[in-house]
Protein backbone atom coordinates (compact mmCIF):
# COMPACT_ATOMS: atom_id res chain seq x y z
CA UNK A 1 0.25 0.03 -0.34
CA UNK A 2 2.67 2.67 1.08
CA UNK A 3 4.58 1.80 -2.67
CA UNK A 4 1.21 2.22 -4.25
CA UNK A 5 1.13 5.57 -2.52
CA UNK A 6 4.29 6.70 -3.04
CA UNK A 7 3.83 5.88 -6.97
CA UNK A 8 0.85 8.09 -6.93
CA UNK A 9 2.61 10.85 -5.32
CA UNK A 10 5.38 10.90 -7.49
CA UNK A 11 2.94 10.56 -10.76
CA UNK A 12 1.20 13.93 -9.38
CA UNK A 13 4.43 15.69 -8.94
CA UNK A 14 5.40 14.77 -12.55
CA UNK A 15 2.06 15.53 -13.74
CA UNK A 16 2.59 18.98 -12.42
CA UNK A 17 5.77 19.77 -13.52
CA UNK A 18 4.68 19.06 -17.08
CA UNK A 19 1.64 21.08 -16.57
CA UNK A 20 4.17 24.38 -15.38
CA UNK A 21 6.51 23.72 -18.22
CA UNK A 22 4.15 23.71 -21.04
CA UNK A 23 2.14 26.93 -19.06
CA UNK A 24 5.92 28.51 -18.93
CA UNK A 25 6.63 27.72 -22.51
CA UNK A 26 2.88 28.87 -23.79
CA UNK A 27 3.90 32.42 -22.71
CA UNK A 28 7.58 32.65 -23.27
CA UNK A 29 6.31 32.05 -27.30
CA UNK A 30 3.53 34.42 -27.38
CA UNK A 31 6.58 36.94 -26.30
CA UNK A 32 8.32 39.40 -27.98
CA UNK A 33 11.42 37.37 -30.39
CA UNK A 34 14.75 39.26 -31.32
CA UNK A 35 15.22 40.34 -34.99
CA UNK A 36 18.72 40.13 -36.37
CA UNK A 37 20.17 41.59 -39.54
CA UNK A 38 23.38 42.27 -40.95
CA UNK A 39 24.80 45.65 -42.77
CA UNK A 40 27.26 45.44 -45.71
CA UNK A 41 30.15 46.05 -43.88
CA UNK A 42 29.52 43.37 -41.07
CA UNK A 43 27.68 45.46 -38.47
CA UNK A 44 24.93 43.11 -36.64
CA UNK A 45 21.56 44.99 -36.15
CA UNK A 46 19.23 43.42 -32.93
CA UNK A 47 15.92 44.17 -31.93
CA UNK A 48 13.30 43.11 -29.91
CA UNK A 49 9.63 45.11 -30.37
CA UNK A 50 8.13 44.41 -26.74
CA UNK A 51 5.55 47.55 -27.25
CA UNK A 52 7.09 48.98 -24.04
CA UNK A 53 7.15 52.90 -23.79
CA UNK A 54 10.47 52.84 -23.59
CA UNK A 55 13.47 51.61 -25.04
CA UNK A 56 17.13 50.83 -24.59
CA UNK A 57 19.98 51.41 -27.67
CA UNK A 58 23.10 50.74 -28.08
CA UNK A 59 26.22 49.59 -28.99
CA UNK A 60 28.12 46.31 -27.42
CA UNK A 61 31.87 45.79 -29.03
CA UNK A 62 34.19 43.06 -28.70
CA UNK A 63 36.68 44.63 -26.51
CA UNK A 64 37.90 45.33 -22.89
CA UNK A 65 40.96 43.90 -20.83
CA UNK A 66 41.26 40.26 -22.30
CA UNK A 67 42.86 42.39 -25.26
CA UNK A 68 45.11 44.58 -23.66
CA UNK A 69 48.38 43.95 -22.13
CA UNK A 70 50.23 45.17 -19.21
CA UNK A 71 51.67 48.32 -20.54
CA UNK A 72 47.65 49.38 -21.60
CA UNK A 73 45.58 47.41 -18.92
CA UNK A 74 42.76 49.77 -18.37
CA UNK A 75 42.63 51.53 -22.26
CA UNK A 76 39.18 49.92 -22.91
CA UNK A 77 37.70 51.29 -19.19
CA UNK A 78 39.18 54.54 -20.07
CA UNK A 79 38.05 54.93 -23.41
CA UNK A 80 34.44 54.02 -22.57
CA UNK A 81 34.28 56.86 -19.89
CA UNK A 82 35.39 59.55 -22.65
CA UNK A 83 32.05 58.89 -24.22
CA UNK A 84 30.45 60.83 -21.51
CA UNK A 85 33.08 63.66 -21.75
CA UNK A 86 31.32 64.50 -25.41
CA UNK A 87 32.14 63.72 -29.22
CA UNK A 88 33.49 65.82 -31.88
CA UNK A 89 30.29 67.31 -32.57
CA UNK A 90 28.98 67.71 -28.93
CA UNK A 91 30.28 68.76 -26.17
CA UNK A 92 30.16 67.22 -22.83
CA UNK A 93 27.63 70.25 -21.74
CA UNK A 94 25.49 70.03 -24.97
CA UNK A 95 25.19 66.02 -25.14
CA UNK A 96 24.29 66.05 -21.32
CA UNK A 97 21.24 69.09 -22.10
CA UNK A 98 20.22 66.69 -25.24
CA UNK A 99 20.08 64.09 -23.52
CA UNK A 100 18.35 65.68 -20.78
CA UNK A 101 15.71 67.02 -23.16
CA UNK A 102 14.37 63.87 -23.95
CA UNK A 103 14.59 62.21 -20.43
CA UNK A 104 17.63 59.69 -21.47
CA UNK A 105 20.03 58.52 -19.78
CA UNK A 106 23.56 57.48 -21.22
CA UNK A 107 25.03 54.50 -19.52
CA UNK A 108 28.42 52.56 -20.40
CA UNK A 109 30.41 49.49 -18.57
CA UNK A 110 33.15 47.47 -19.81
CA UNK A 111 33.97 44.07 -18.91
CA UNK A 112 36.92 40.92 -19.75
CA UNK A 113 35.41 40.68 -22.83
CA UNK A 114 33.07 43.77 -24.24
CA UNK A 115 32.60 47.43 -23.66
CA UNK A 116 28.85 48.53 -24.12
CA UNK A 117 27.65 52.11 -24.56
CA UNK A 118 23.86 52.45 -24.48
CA UNK A 119 21.13 54.99 -24.07
CA UNK A 120 17.77 54.47 -21.93
CA UNK A 121 14.90 56.84 -23.28
CA UNK A 122 11.43 57.21 -24.42
CA UNK A 123 9.98 55.56 -27.62
CA UNK A 124 35.36 62.19 -30.79
CA UNK A 125 37.45 64.56 -30.24
CA UNK A 126 40.09 63.58 -27.05
CA UNK A 127 40.36 66.14 -25.12
CA UNK A 128 43.67 65.88 -23.07
CA UNK A 129 42.65 67.80 -19.96
CA UNK A 130 39.49 65.59 -20.05
CA UNK A 131 41.68 62.28 -20.72
CA UNK A 132 43.84 63.22 -17.74
CA UNK A 133 40.62 64.01 -15.35
CA UNK A 134 39.36 60.54 -16.24
CA UNK A 135 42.59 58.99 -15.44
CA UNK A 136 42.45 60.78 -11.78
CA UNK A 137 38.88 59.28 -11.83
CA UNK A 138 40.12 55.40 -12.80
CA UNK A 139 42.43 55.41 -9.98
CA UNK A 140 40.74 56.51 -7.65
CA UNK A 141 37.98 53.93 -8.40
CA UNK A 142 40.92 51.40 -8.71
CA UNK A 143 41.97 52.44 -5.43
CA UNK A 144 38.60 52.17 -3.66
CA UNK A 145 37.92 48.68 -5.48
CA UNK A 146 40.18 46.58 -2.85
CA UNK A 147 37.38 47.67 -0.40
CA UNK A 148 35.48 45.44 -1.86
CA UNK A 149 36.75 42.20 -0.57
CA UNK A 150 34.76 39.58 -2.48
CA UNK A 151 35.72 41.58 -6.12
CA UNK A 152 39.15 41.46 -5.05
CA UNK A 153 38.84 37.45 -4.46
CA UNK A 154 37.08 37.18 -7.80
CA UNK A 155 39.63 39.45 -9.99
CA UNK A 156 42.88 37.14 -7.91
CA UNK A 157 40.90 33.94 -9.20
CA UNK A 158 41.49 35.42 -12.46
CA UNK A 159 44.60 36.14 -11.69
CA UNK A 160 45.57 32.77 -10.81
CA UNK A 161 43.50 30.89 -13.10
CA UNK A 162 44.48 32.12 -15.96
CA UNK A 163 47.92 33.75 -15.30
CA UNK A 164 49.83 34.20 -18.11
CA UNK A 165 47.09 35.14 -20.27
CA UNK A 166 45.08 38.03 -21.04
CA UNK A 167 42.25 36.95 -19.18
CA UNK A 168 43.75 37.46 -15.75
CA UNK A 169 43.60 40.75 -16.37
CA UNK A 170 41.35 42.96 -14.18
CA UNK A 171 38.68 45.52 -16.21
CA UNK A 172 39.97 48.08 -13.65
CA UNK A 173 43.21 48.18 -14.83
CA UNK A 174 46.31 48.85 -13.27
CA UNK A 175 48.35 51.73 -11.98
CA UNK A 176 51.14 51.73 -14.09
CA UNK A 177 48.74 51.14 -17.05
CA UNK A 178 46.53 53.56 -16.54
CA UNK A 179 49.10 56.48 -15.75
CA UNK A 180 50.76 55.79 -19.04
CA UNK A 181 47.48 55.93 -21.31
CA UNK A 182 47.33 58.95 -23.36
CA UNK A 183 45.30 60.44 -26.51
CA UNK A 184 47.09 58.51 -28.96
CA UNK A 185 46.85 55.33 -26.95
CA UNK A 186 43.14 55.63 -26.95
CA UNK A 187 42.67 56.61 -30.52
CA UNK A 188 44.56 53.53 -31.80
CA UNK A 189 42.50 51.33 -29.74
CA UNK A 190 39.53 52.95 -31.03
CA UNK A 191 41.03 52.60 -34.48
CA UNK A 192 41.54 48.89 -33.74
CA UNK A 193 38.60 47.77 -32.06
CA UNK A 194 35.81 49.91 -32.93
CA UNK A 195 35.43 47.81 -36.01
CA UNK A 196 31.86 47.06 -37.24
CA UNK A 197 32.46 43.05 -37.39
CA UNK A 198 33.13 43.57 -33.46
CA UNK A 199 30.12 45.48 -32.80
CA UNK A 200 26.34 44.42 -32.39
CA UNK A 201 23.65 47.50 -32.30
CA UNK A 202 20.99 46.15 -30.17
CA UNK A 203 17.54 47.81 -29.06
CA UNK A 204 14.68 46.55 -26.84
CA UNK A 205 11.32 48.30 -26.17
CA UNK A 206 9.03 49.99 -28.53
CA UNK A 207 11.06 50.09 -31.22
CA UNK A 208 10.83 48.71 -35.14
CA UNK A 209 13.69 47.12 -36.83
CA UNK A 210 13.35 48.49 -39.97
CA UNK A 211 13.84 52.25 -38.42
CA UNK A 212 16.72 50.90 -36.01
CA UNK A 213 18.63 49.46 -39.19
CA UNK A 214 18.06 52.55 -41.26
CA UNK A 215 19.87 54.41 -38.04
CA UNK A 216 22.50 52.03 -38.02
CA UNK A 217 23.21 52.48 -41.83
CA UNK A 218 23.12 56.49 -41.22
CA UNK A 219 25.46 56.27 -38.27
CA UNK A 220 27.69 53.44 -38.85
CA UNK A 221 27.15 52.46 -42.21
CA UNK A 222 30.61 53.90 -43.38
CA UNK A 223 32.69 52.32 -40.88
CA UNK A 224 35.41 50.48 -42.50
CA UNK A 225 36.82 47.08 -41.30
CA UNK A 226 40.29 47.92 -42.40
CA UNK A 227 42.66 47.92 -39.64
CA UNK A 228 45.25 50.77 -39.24
CA UNK A 229 46.83 48.30 -36.84
CA UNK A 230 46.98 44.96 -36.09
CA UNK A 231 43.65 42.72 -35.94
CA UNK A 232 42.94 42.50 -32.22
CA UNK A 233 43.27 39.15 -30.90
CA UNK A 234 42.98 37.36 -27.17
CA UNK A 235 46.15 34.95 -26.56
CA UNK A 236 44.28 31.70 -26.02
CA UNK A 237 42.91 29.78 -23.00
CA UNK A 238 44.93 28.30 -20.44
CA UNK A 239 43.42 27.35 -17.12
CA UNK A 240 46.47 26.72 -14.18
CA UNK A 241 45.64 24.92 -11.07
CA UNK A 242 46.76 27.31 -8.30
CA UNK A 243 46.01 29.70 -5.52
CA UNK A 244 46.32 33.80 -5.11
CA UNK A 245 46.53 34.71 -1.21
CA UNK A 246 46.51 37.80 0.15
CA UNK A 247 46.66 38.31 4.32
CA UNK A 248 45.52 41.05 5.76
CA UNK A 249 44.60 41.16 9.43
CA UNK A 250 42.93 44.37 9.11
CA UNK A 251 39.68 42.81 7.04
CA UNK A 252 37.82 41.06 9.67
CA UNK A 253 36.84 38.00 7.95
CA UNK A 254 38.27 35.42 5.46
CA UNK A 255 36.94 36.27 1.77
CA UNK A 256 37.69 33.46 -0.45
CA UNK A 257 36.89 31.41 -3.77
CA UNK A 258 37.66 27.81 -5.24
CA UNK A 259 36.81 27.34 -8.85
CA UNK A 260 37.31 24.99 -11.76
CA UNK A 261 37.77 25.99 -15.38
CA UNK A 262 34.32 26.14 -16.63
CA UNK A 263 32.84 26.22 -20.33
CA UNK A 264 32.53 29.14 -22.77
CA UNK A 265 29.17 30.61 -23.41
CA UNK A 266 27.66 28.54 -26.19
CA UNK A 267 28.85 25.39 -24.85
CA UNK A 268 26.49 22.61 -24.51
CA UNK A 269 27.44 21.55 -21.09
CA UNK A 270 26.73 25.46 -20.04
CA UNK A 271 22.91 25.53 -19.37
CA UNK A 272 23.50 21.98 -17.02
CA UNK A 273 26.55 23.73 -15.14
CA UNK A 274 24.34 26.51 -14.06
CA UNK A 275 21.64 24.25 -13.04
CA UNK A 276 24.28 22.74 -10.69
CA UNK A 277 25.14 25.88 -9.45
CA UNK A 278 21.36 26.52 -8.50
CA UNK A 279 21.73 23.48 -6.90
CA UNK A 280 24.40 24.28 -4.53
CA UNK A 281 22.97 27.53 -4.24
CA UNK A 282 23.54 30.87 -2.02
CA UNK A 283 23.14 31.33 1.91
CA UNK A 284 23.96 33.73 4.30
CA UNK A 285 23.25 34.45 7.90
CA UNK A 286 20.63 36.78 7.14
CA UNK A 287 18.27 33.96 5.97
CA UNK A 288 17.51 32.73 9.34
CA UNK A 289 17.45 29.15 8.21
CA UNK A 290 19.91 26.48 9.08
CA UNK A 291 18.55 23.16 10.78
CA UNK A 292 15.44 23.65 8.92
CA UNK A 293 16.67 24.76 5.37
CA UNK A 294 15.32 22.64 2.53
CA UNK A 295 19.05 22.50 1.46
CA UNK A 296 21.10 19.83 2.94
CA UNK A 297 24.21 21.82 2.59
CA UNK A 298 22.72 24.73 4.47
CA UNK A 299 22.13 22.00 7.20
CA UNK A 300 25.35 21.14 7.71
CA UNK A 301 27.42 24.66 7.17
CA UNK A 302 25.09 27.31 8.69
CA UNK A 303 25.98 26.53 11.90
CA UNK A 304 29.02 25.53 14.02
CA UNK A 305 31.54 26.94 11.19
CA UNK A 306 31.71 30.51 11.29
CA UNK A 307 30.08 30.67 8.08
CA UNK A 308 28.72 33.71 7.24
CA UNK A 309 27.91 33.63 3.37
CA UNK A 310 28.44 31.27 0.44
CA UNK A 311 27.46 31.43 -3.48
CA UNK A 312 27.79 29.17 -6.02
CA UNK A 313 28.93 30.64 -9.42
CA UNK A 314 29.26 29.77 -13.24
CA UNK A 315 30.84 32.47 -14.87
CA UNK A 316 31.11 32.03 -18.99
CA UNK A 317 33.01 33.64 -21.31
CA UNK A 318 33.47 33.23 -25.38
CA UNK A 319 35.68 30.24 -25.08
CA UNK A 320 36.04 29.34 -21.32
CA UNK A 321 34.47 29.94 -17.64
CA UNK A 322 34.59 29.25 -14.28
CA UNK A 323 32.93 27.40 -12.11
CA UNK A 324 32.89 27.44 -8.15
CA UNK A 325 31.97 28.87 -5.08
CA UNK A 326 32.71 32.40 -2.95
CA UNK A 327 32.40 32.18 0.57
CA UNK A 328 32.93 34.40 4.14
CA UNK A 329 33.73 33.04 7.37
CA UNK A 330 35.28 34.27 10.24
CA UNK A 331 38.51 32.96 9.46
CA UNK A 332 39.86 32.50 12.91
CA UNK A 333 39.73 28.49 12.66
CA UNK A 334 41.87 25.96 10.12
CA UNK A 335 39.33 23.10 11.20
CA UNK A 336 36.62 25.39 10.30
CA UNK A 337 38.17 26.72 7.15
CA UNK A 338 38.74 23.27 5.79
CA UNK A 339 35.28 21.99 6.87
CA UNK A 340 33.52 24.71 5.00
CA UNK A 341 35.31 23.86 1.69
CA UNK A 342 35.04 20.08 2.40
CA UNK A 343 30.93 20.34 2.61
CA UNK A 344 31.10 22.87 -0.90
CA UNK A 345 33.03 20.18 -2.38
CA UNK A 346 30.84 17.48 -1.32
CA UNK A 347 28.15 18.94 -3.08
CA UNK A 348 29.74 19.06 -6.38
CA UNK A 349 30.97 15.17 -6.15
CA UNK A 350 27.38 14.38 -5.22
CA UNK A 351 26.15 16.30 -8.26
CA UNK A 352 28.39 14.27 -10.20
CA UNK A 353 27.24 11.00 -8.97
CA UNK A 354 24.21 10.55 -6.98
CA UNK A 355 22.02 13.78 -7.52
CA UNK A 356 18.30 12.57 -8.26
CA UNK A 357 15.52 13.77 -10.64
CA UNK A 358 13.66 16.20 -7.87
CA UNK A 359 16.61 17.79 -7.03
CA UNK A 360 17.30 18.55 -10.54
CA UNK A 361 13.92 19.53 -11.40
CA UNK A 362 13.78 21.89 -7.89
CA UNK A 363 17.32 23.83 -9.55
CA UNK A 364 15.78 24.07 -12.92
CA UNK A 365 12.65 25.86 -11.49
CA UNK A 366 15.32 27.73 -9.33
CA UNK A 367 17.59 28.83 -12.53
CA UNK A 368 14.37 29.75 -14.30
CA UNK A 369 13.26 32.49 -11.65
CA UNK A 370 16.73 33.90 -12.12
CA UNK A 371 17.31 34.10 -15.34
CA UNK A 372 13.83 35.29 -16.28
CA UNK A 373 13.85 37.80 -13.60
CA UNK A 374 17.37 38.98 -14.87
CA UNK A 375 15.93 39.72 -18.24
CA UNK A 376 12.90 41.77 -17.11
CA UNK A 377 14.28 45.24 -18.17
CA UNK A 378 14.95 46.15 -21.48
CA UNK A 379 18.30 46.84 -21.03
CA UNK A 380 18.92 43.91 -19.41
CA UNK A 381 17.39 42.31 -22.67
CA UNK A 382 19.20 44.73 -24.73
CA UNK A 383 22.51 43.33 -23.29
CA UNK A 384 21.45 39.66 -23.33
CA UNK A 385 20.88 39.33 -27.28
CA UNK A 386 23.98 41.72 -27.85
CA UNK A 387 26.20 39.04 -26.03
CA UNK A 388 24.29 36.11 -27.59
CA UNK A 389 25.37 37.70 -30.87
CA UNK A 390 29.01 38.40 -29.56
CA UNK A 391 29.42 34.56 -28.38
CA UNK A 392 27.80 32.76 -30.43
CA UNK A 393 26.94 34.40 -33.61
CA UNK A 394 23.10 33.93 -32.78
CA UNK A 395 20.39 34.95 -30.41
CA UNK A 396 18.74 32.12 -28.87
CA UNK A 397 14.93 32.90 -28.13
CA UNK A 398 13.62 32.51 -24.44
CA UNK A 399 11.67 29.57 -26.11
CA UNK A 400 14.72 27.63 -27.06
CA UNK A 401 16.59 28.02 -23.84
CA UNK A 402 13.35 26.89 -22.28
CA UNK A 403 12.93 23.65 -24.73
CA UNK A 404 17.13 22.80 -23.57
CA UNK A 405 16.34 23.63 -19.89
CA UNK A 406 13.48 21.20 -20.04
CA UNK A 407 15.32 17.95 -21.54
CA UNK A 408 17.93 18.26 -18.83
CA UNK A 409 17.53 15.28 -16.43
CA UNK A 410 19.94 13.72 -13.84
CA UNK A 411 21.70 12.07 -16.42
CA UNK A 412 22.98 15.36 -18.24
CA UNK A 413 23.61 17.49 -14.50
CA UNK A 414 25.96 14.18 -13.83
CA UNK A 415 27.62 13.80 -16.88
CA UNK A 416 28.20 17.90 -16.94
CA UNK A 417 29.59 17.99 -13.51
CA UNK A 418 31.65 14.84 -13.90
CA UNK A 419 33.75 16.03 -17.33
CA UNK A 420 34.05 19.55 -15.89
CA UNK A 421 34.16 19.70 -12.02
CA UNK A 422 34.82 16.10 -10.56
CA UNK A 423 38.47 15.50 -9.79
CA UNK A 424 39.59 18.60 -11.94
CA UNK A 425 42.63 20.97 -10.98
CA UNK A 426 41.44 23.83 -9.02
CA UNK A 427 42.27 27.67 -8.73
CA UNK A 428 41.63 29.08 -5.43
CA UNK A 429 41.95 32.77 -3.78
CA UNK A 430 41.48 34.57 -0.46
CA UNK A 431 41.84 37.62 0.99
CA UNK A 432 41.76 38.62 4.46
CA UNK A 433 42.34 36.90 7.42
CA UNK A 434 43.98 33.86 5.38
CA UNK A 435 46.20 32.27 8.09
CA UNK A 436 43.64 29.95 8.62
CA UNK A 437 43.27 29.14 4.81
CA UNK A 438 43.05 25.52 3.92
CA UNK A 439 46.04 23.68 2.42
CA UNK A 440 45.86 23.68 -1.23
CA UNK A 441 46.95 19.94 -1.51
CA UNK A 442 44.07 19.13 1.04
CA UNK A 443 41.48 21.52 -0.93
CA UNK A 444 42.82 19.58 -4.52
CA UNK A 445 42.60 15.93 -2.77
CA UNK A 446 38.68 17.11 -1.77
CA UNK A 447 37.89 17.22 -5.26
CA UNK A 448 37.28 13.48 -5.72
CA UNK A 449 35.82 10.44 -3.59
CA UNK A 450 39.20 8.78 -3.88
CA UNK A 451 40.70 7.75 -0.10
CA UNK A 452 44.40 7.85 0.31
């Protein structure tokens, strides 16, 4: 009788999941979809008309710290900031006035592999004084970034994991590199990197594809793909198992991260690893749950080890990535720090061999929530579409992503984690009270079930 009851409950659960998945897909099918076209010079135009009264329009460029070297590290970010200082036809004051008159806002950002410059609105000559002023701003921001301890951990993690390659460099730049930049360096960088084949013109909101294509042709159609200097390229990918520790006892806690090499944005295992990351999840002391938490991991580590927070992550670049976990703990006990790391690694090993369908489905639902919430605004969706084009050459619809997510089962997740996480070399980074940092050899040993 008990067996029959369990079978009935399982059947009901599967039926509810099927109905939920179909309902989600129906909503996505009825939603807006991206249109993509290409100008004669290779510039790609992406639009998504969702009928909203506001629109985000911008250019995403395949550039960033990954294409820099030690002597000019920071040039991508400085050039991005100079956009706010005006153009050859408009001074900074004129630019601000014109944007203000239509209620628009100019926003920009630079990461390791792209620069984005976009305007949120209703439906260049480079001046030396301005450059020097912006350099001071970047140097000040670089100094302030040292107070973001987890940000420093992640920069150091990249420096360790991708040492000797361009992905090791921070988008913030370095002090010597920023100080050495001048107008000629910025002009050369712009000439080498701001080329149509490396650019995406993306818009989401109340916008028609035909009109935006005409604007793209008007303002970008005469850009050439000939390079006055060398054709930009990154120096490849190489992951190195290593650690980067920076002890600073003035910091009240230990901030750390452990990661393996992940996969690129378009890799067939990328979605499965994101599901795996959701399984490990996140927690901090403000959650107010420990023994009664739905996660077995939280039940284990939320008490007795002086852990303040943890969060798993899966970062994807064009051709590689990082899969790992961040954590913050008191940092006064080697036993506590080692136990925290071991429990986190235990979850990865569980994912590779014993995760069940119930756990995978719960993680898939968590990923759905995270993914769709992250694409709610025009700006978020315009950035998503542009990055898809830059990294994969196409734009997956949310229906396609939902279909791929629905097909994932425990076997797919186990195999993905086995290929990329289980018994793999790790990169580790610690900042603050790192005297109690776990031994690297012990951390590496904890990546498998092998007993020595």
